[in-house]
Amino acid sequence: MPTETERCIESLLAVFQRYAGREGNSCTLSKREFRAFMDTELAAFTKNQKDPGVVDRMMKKLDMNSDGQLDFQEFLNLIGGIAVACHDSLILKSPNP
């Protein structure tokens, strides 16, 4: 039986694969696939953005090799950044012992 961490990794892989390859390369997210991912999986974030260009700028910043696609490593940089921000937010909210 997989551990909680193993299930989380499986979920990340499954979500990436669900969006990657809808058009073209199944190992990367195109700009349109990334937008679909953000609008569906992180809808609360995208709906709260006043600037419509924020998702495009995120894609550009995450695209470390500037090929116009996000591979799994580049995708994980996004997930890791969000996880760190959530963790930092929890630490700020928790009362000091």
C-alpha atoms as a PDB file:
ATOM      1  CA  MET A   1       0.000   0.000   0.000  1.00  0.00           C
ATOM      2  CA  PRO A   2       1.498   3.373  -0.990  1.00  0.00           C
ATOM      3  CA  THR A   3       2.405   5.895   1.664  1.00  0.00           C
ATOM      4  CA  GLU A   4       0.816   9.340   1.821  1.00  0.00           C
ATOM      5  CA  THR A   5       3.930  10.853   0.227  1.00  0.00           C
ATOM      6  CA  GLU A   6       3.920   8.257  -2.559  1.00  0.00           C
ATOM      7  CA  ARG A   7       0.239   9.014  -3.234  1.00  0.00           C
ATOM      8  CA  CYS A   8       1.045  12.739  -3.437  1.00  0.00           C
ATOM      9  CA  ILE A   9       3.790  12.054  -5.986  1.00  0.00           C
ATOM     10  CA  GLU A  10       1.447   9.820  -7.996  1.00  0.00           C
ATOM     11  CA  SER A  11      -1.161  12.613  -7.940  1.00  0.00           C
ATOM     12  CA  LEU A  12       1.335  15.198  -9.218  1.00  0.00           C
ATOM     13  CA  LEU A  13       2.385  12.864 -12.022  1.00  0.00           C
ATOM     14  CA  ALA A  14      -1.238  12.135 -12.934  1.00  0.00           C
ATOM     15  CA  VAL A  15      -2.233  15.815 -12.974  1.00  0.00           C
ATOM     16  CA  PHE A  16       0.770  16.741 -15.131  1.00  0.00           C
ATOM     17  CA  GLN A  17      -0.039  13.919 -17.576  1.00  0.00           C
ATOM     18  CA  ARG A  18      -3.705  14.942 -17.709  1.00  0.00           C
ATOM     19  CA  TYR A  19      -2.745  18.335 -19.190  1.00  0.00           C
ATOM     20  CA  ALA A  20       0.545  17.558 -20.990  1.00  0.00           C
ATOM     21  CA  GLY A  21       0.256  16.347 -24.534  1.00  0.00           C
ATOM     22  CA  ARG A  22      -3.236  17.584 -25.274  1.00  0.00           C
ATOM     23  CA  GLU A  23      -1.473  19.314 -28.128  1.00  0.00           C
ATOM     24  CA  GLY A  24       1.913  18.021 -29.257  1.00  0.00           C
ATOM     25  CA  ASN A  25       4.526  16.765 -26.801  1.00  0.00           C
ATOM     26  CA  SER A  26       3.166  14.517 -24.024  1.00  0.00           C
ATOM     27  CA  CYS A  27       6.194  15.294 -21.828  1.00  0.00           C
ATOM     28  CA  THR A  28       5.592  19.050 -21.633  1.00  0.00           C
ATOM     29  CA  LEU A  29       2.884  21.629 -21.048  1.00  0.00           C
ATOM     30  CA  SER A  30       2.337  24.132 -23.837  1.00  0.00           C
ATOM     31  CA  LYS A  31       1.221  27.652 -23.012  1.00  0.00           C
ATOM     32  CA  ARG A  32      -2.410  26.674 -23.635  1.00  0.00           C
ATOM     33  CA  GLU A  33      -2.094  23.471 -21.597  1.00  0.00           C
ATOM     34  CA  PHE A  34      -0.516  25.447 -18.732  1.00  0.00           C
ATOM     35  CA  ARG A  35      -3.392  27.954 -18.856  1.00  0.00           C
ATOM     36  CA  ALA A  36      -5.916  25.064 -18.743  1.00  0.00           C
ATOM     37  CA  PHE A  37      -4.050  23.574 -15.766  1.00  0.00           C
ATOM     38  CA  MET A  38      -4.002  26.908 -13.903  1.00  0.00           C
ATOM     39  CA  ASP A  39      -7.666  27.699 -14.665  1.00  0.00           C
ATOM     40  CA  THR A  40      -8.803  24.252 -13.492  1.00  0.00           C
ATOM     41  CA  GLU A  41      -6.398  23.052 -10.821  1.00  0.00           C
ATOM     42  CA  LEU A  42      -5.477  26.444  -9.324  1.00  0.00           C
ATOM     43  CA  ALA A  43      -8.681  28.288 -10.192  1.00  0.00           C
ATOM     44  CA  ALA A  44      -8.820  30.176  -6.882  1.00  0.00           C
ATOM     45  CA  PHE A  45      -5.434  31.717  -7.695  1.00  0.00           C
ATOM     46  CA  THR A  46      -6.218  32.692 -11.288  1.00  0.00           C
ATOM     47  CA  LYS A  47      -9.677  34.056 -10.477  1.00  0.00           C
ATOM     48  CA  ASN A  48      -8.202  36.378  -7.817  1.00  0.00           C
ATOM     49  CA  GLN A  49      -5.682  37.922 -10.212  1.00  0.00           C
ATOM     50  CA  LYS A  50      -6.537  41.413 -11.393  1.00  0.00           C
ATOM     51  CA  ASP A  51      -3.863  41.250 -14.111  1.00  0.00           C
ATOM     52  CA  PRO A  52      -4.826  38.911 -16.986  1.00  0.00           C
ATOM     53  CA  GLY A  53      -1.147  38.583 -18.004  1.00  0.00           C
ATOM     54  CA  VAL A  54      -0.024  37.010 -14.722  1.00  0.00           C
ATOM     55  CA  VAL A  55      -0.330  33.393 -15.939  1.00  0.00           C
ATOM     56  CA  ASP A  56       1.687  34.176 -19.093  1.00  0.00           C
ATOM     57  CA  ARG A  57       4.402  35.810 -16.974  1.00  0.00           C
ATOM     58  CA  MET A  58       4.445  32.813 -14.631  1.00  0.00           C
ATOM     59  CA  MET A  59       4.908  30.488 -17.603  1.00  0.00           C
ATOM     60  CA  LYS A  60       7.770  32.615 -18.915  1.00  0.00           C
ATOM     61  CA  LYS A  61       9.476  32.652 -15.508  1.00  0.00           C
ATOM     62  CA  LEU A  62       9.047  28.896 -14.991  1.00  0.00           C
ATOM     63  CA  ASP A  63      10.300  28.070 -18.516  1.00  0.00           C
ATOM     64  CA  MET A  64      13.972  27.827 -17.521  1.00  0.00           C
ATOM     65  CA  ASN A  65      15.223  26.727 -20.958  1.00  0.00           C
ATOM     66  CA  SER A  66      12.986  29.203 -22.849  1.00  0.00           C
ATOM     67  CA  ASP A  67      11.527  26.579 -25.173  1.00  0.00           C
ATOM     68  CA  GLY A  68       7.943  27.785 -24.737  1.00  0.00           C
ATOM     69  CA  GLN A  69       6.993  24.573 -22.892  1.00  0.00           C
ATOM     70  CA  LEU A  70       7.096  23.417 -19.274  1.00  0.00           C
ATOM     71  CA  ASP A  71       8.660  20.034 -18.639  1.00  0.00           C
ATOM     72  CA  PHE A  72       7.942  18.120 -15.425  1.00  0.00           C
ATOM     73  CA  GLN A  73      10.917  19.672 -13.581  1.00  0.00           C
ATOM     74  CA  GLU A  74       9.763  23.187 -14.486  1.00  0.00           C
ATOM     75  CA  PHE A  75       6.207  22.241 -13.430  1.00  0.00           C
ATOM     76  CA  LEU A  76       7.554  20.995 -10.089  1.00  0.00           C
ATOM     77  CA  ASN A  77       9.221  24.388  -9.548  1.00  0.00           C
ATOM     78  CA  LEU A  78       5.720  25.908  -9.605  1.00  0.00           C
ATOM     79  CA  ILE A  79       4.314  23.273  -7.240  1.00  0.00           C
ATOM     80  CA  GLY A  80       7.289  23.650  -4.903  1.00  0.00           C
ATOM     81  CA  GLY A  81       6.967  27.431  -4.885  1.00  0.00           C
ATOM     82  CA  ILE A  82       3.275  27.230  -4.044  1.00  0.00           C
ATOM     83  CA  ALA A  83       3.970  24.674  -1.296  1.00  0.00           C
ATOM     84  CA  VAL A  84       6.639  26.938   0.231  1.00  0.00           C
ATOM     85  CA  ALA A  85       4.277  29.929   0.133  1.00  0.00           C
ATOM     86  CA  CYS A  86       1.533  27.881   1.839  1.00  0.00           C
ATOM     87  CA  HIS A  87       3.996  26.610   4.448  1.00  0.00           C
ATOM     88  CA  ASP A  88       5.244  30.146   5.149  1.00  0.00           C
ATOM     89  CA  SER A  89       1.662  31.335   5.469  1.00  0.00           C
ATOM     90  CA  LEU A  90       0.888  28.582   8.009  1.00  0.00           C
ATOM     91  CA  ILE A  91       3.974  29.460  10.056  1.00  0.00           C
ATOM     92  CA  LEU A  92       2.982  33.142  10.129  1.00  0.00           C
ATOM     93  CA  LYS A  93      -0.553  32.254  11.254  1.00  0.00           C
ATOM     94  CA  SER A  94       0.431  29.758  13.952  1.00  0.00           C
ATOM     95  CA  PRO A  95       0.709  31.130  17.478  1.00  0.00           C
ATOM     96  CA  ASN A  96       4.203  31.206  18.933  1.00  0.00           C
ATOM     97  CA  PRO A  97       4.770  28.695  21.783  1.00  0.00           C
END
